[in-house]
């Protein structure tokens, strides 16, 4: 079961990065939750805990920054490295699926 969970987590992180890019480079947790739901990430695959750990993983990899509006609403912003990752111009990152196409 661990391999499946890891695959879903990596896929969700890539999807999150793509959503942020498509949303003019930034998205708050409400936008991300709706978009990920529409992409098929539901239930435990899109929990608050999962979204939080994804945000931290993307930030740790230098693919996105995390900010809090008024200390409450989490917002992700894609970095130049994140854009380069989606365009396959940087090496794969552990914990984030590598895009097949830009």
Foldseek 3Di string as FASTA:
>chain_A
DVVVLLVLQQALLQVLLVQCVVVVFKDWLVSSLVSVVVVPQDDPSNDPVSVVVSQVLCVVVVQWHWDDDVNHIIMIGGDPVVVCQQCVNDDDDPSHDRDPHD
